[in-house]
Amino acid sequence: MKEKIILIGINYKKQSHFEYSIEELKNLAIGLNYDVFDVVIQNVNKINPTYYVGKGKLEEIKQIIVRHDLDKVVFNNELSPSQVNHLEGYLECIVLDRTNLILDIFNERAKSKESQIQVEIARLQYMLPRLIDQSANLSRQRGGGVINRGSGEKKLETERRQIEQKIKSLKSDLETVILQRKTQRNLRQKNHMKVVSLVGYTNAGKSTILNTVMSLYHSSHKNVFEKNMLFATLDTSVRQIKLSNTKSFLLADTVGFIEQLPHHLINAFRSTLEEALESDLLIHVVDYHHPYYQKQMQVVMDTLKEIGIVDIPIITVYNKSDLVDTPLPKIEGNNLYISAKRQIGIKELLEKIDKKLFTDCISCKMLIPYDKMNLVNYFHQSADVNDTSYDNRGTLLSLICTKKDYEKYNQYVL
């Protein structure tokens, strides 16, 4: 049996995109297998500091709860600890907020050790002030003196210390994982491996693009998980894409963003998001079919800015364009309209990546002496050899190579 819940939305001063925000909250709840029984909306010019909603609307919510024997309500905004306490006391049911749902989804979808640690840190950091607030309420009720402390207060203080110690321990574990990730990045840089990261709003189609690229250009590959739901992917997946002997890069699928993404999660997932921070190029994937895609784009750009990504080149990919009758593929500067599901526009996307990443490749001719045949083999493996001929001096190669190889073997350049 699915648990029935009520969603509560407070439209403060006629917010733009309010309906979209409520629809997204509903999708978050459905993603956690809740049955959304009712949605209650209130338009306000001032937030009630105690109950968040007005007293009249609060009573209306309580009547729905009593009448239908419900035991949980979810608010669209993050509530303060004291507001949760007051609401639960009045409504006599469990009160959650948008942050609760996002944390629960992350907790359910986290698969790797790193993402599980990150989610747990975020969850505990969210819980901590709420325990502290409960402790403060008890102190006020009992007079606040040390002598008057009861067993309940002592229990809360013990729980608070345990949570703080757990957070410290988890952060230490996360540092070990971060160090491993940094070692991998240093190795890539040493090998001059370019990195391209797929970023975007959750459910925009980042994983579909990665899987489509792999299926079209690599005979054997391991798909990343993809599904039409919010936050299907939490773990960064990296695949090597080989365009030619000279040109290969790493394509990273990163965690999606969402409006009002809790700061606890942004901070906890900073090490994962650093994959994008260290990229040579970003592919901003947009669900072009979504009615509020422009709002989603702004959320993504604001989040990227928050984690320090401001000067990395970006290609904007408008995915699912086939659903809005756009001629495909269509290219407008750094904007590309595609359908990853129908495999339309992927070739054009890779051509754009090629032009952005490999500006240091040099077309040249080299004459390799016959006693250096090992170099001929090297260039056939590491460069794009367009033509090979022979004369009495050695092997003549017409090729495209990296700037590094061009400078290293400049003595053979004609």
Foldseek 3Di string as FASTA:
>chain_A
DAAEEEEEEEQAPNDPCRVVLVVVLVQLCVLVRHHHPYYHYDYDPDADLQQRDDPVSLVVVLVVCVVVVHAEYEYSDDHDLRNQVNSCVSSVHHYYYSQVSVLVSQCVQDDDPLSNLLSLLLVLVVCQVNLVVVLVVVCVVQVVDPVSDDPVNVVSVVVNVVSVVSSVVSVVVNVVVLVVVVVVVVVCVVVVAAEEEEAFAFQLCLQLLVVLQCVVQPVDDDGDDDDNGGFNDAAKDWDWGDPDLADIHIYIYHTYDDPPNDPSSLVSCLSRCCSVVPHQEYEYRFQLPDPPRVVRVVRRVVSCVVSPNDPHHYQYEHEPVVVVVDPPFDDDPSYTYAYSVVSTCSVVVVVVVCVSPQPQKDWFKFFDAPVVVVVVVVCVNRWAWPDWDDDPGHIITGTIHGNVVCVVPVVGTD
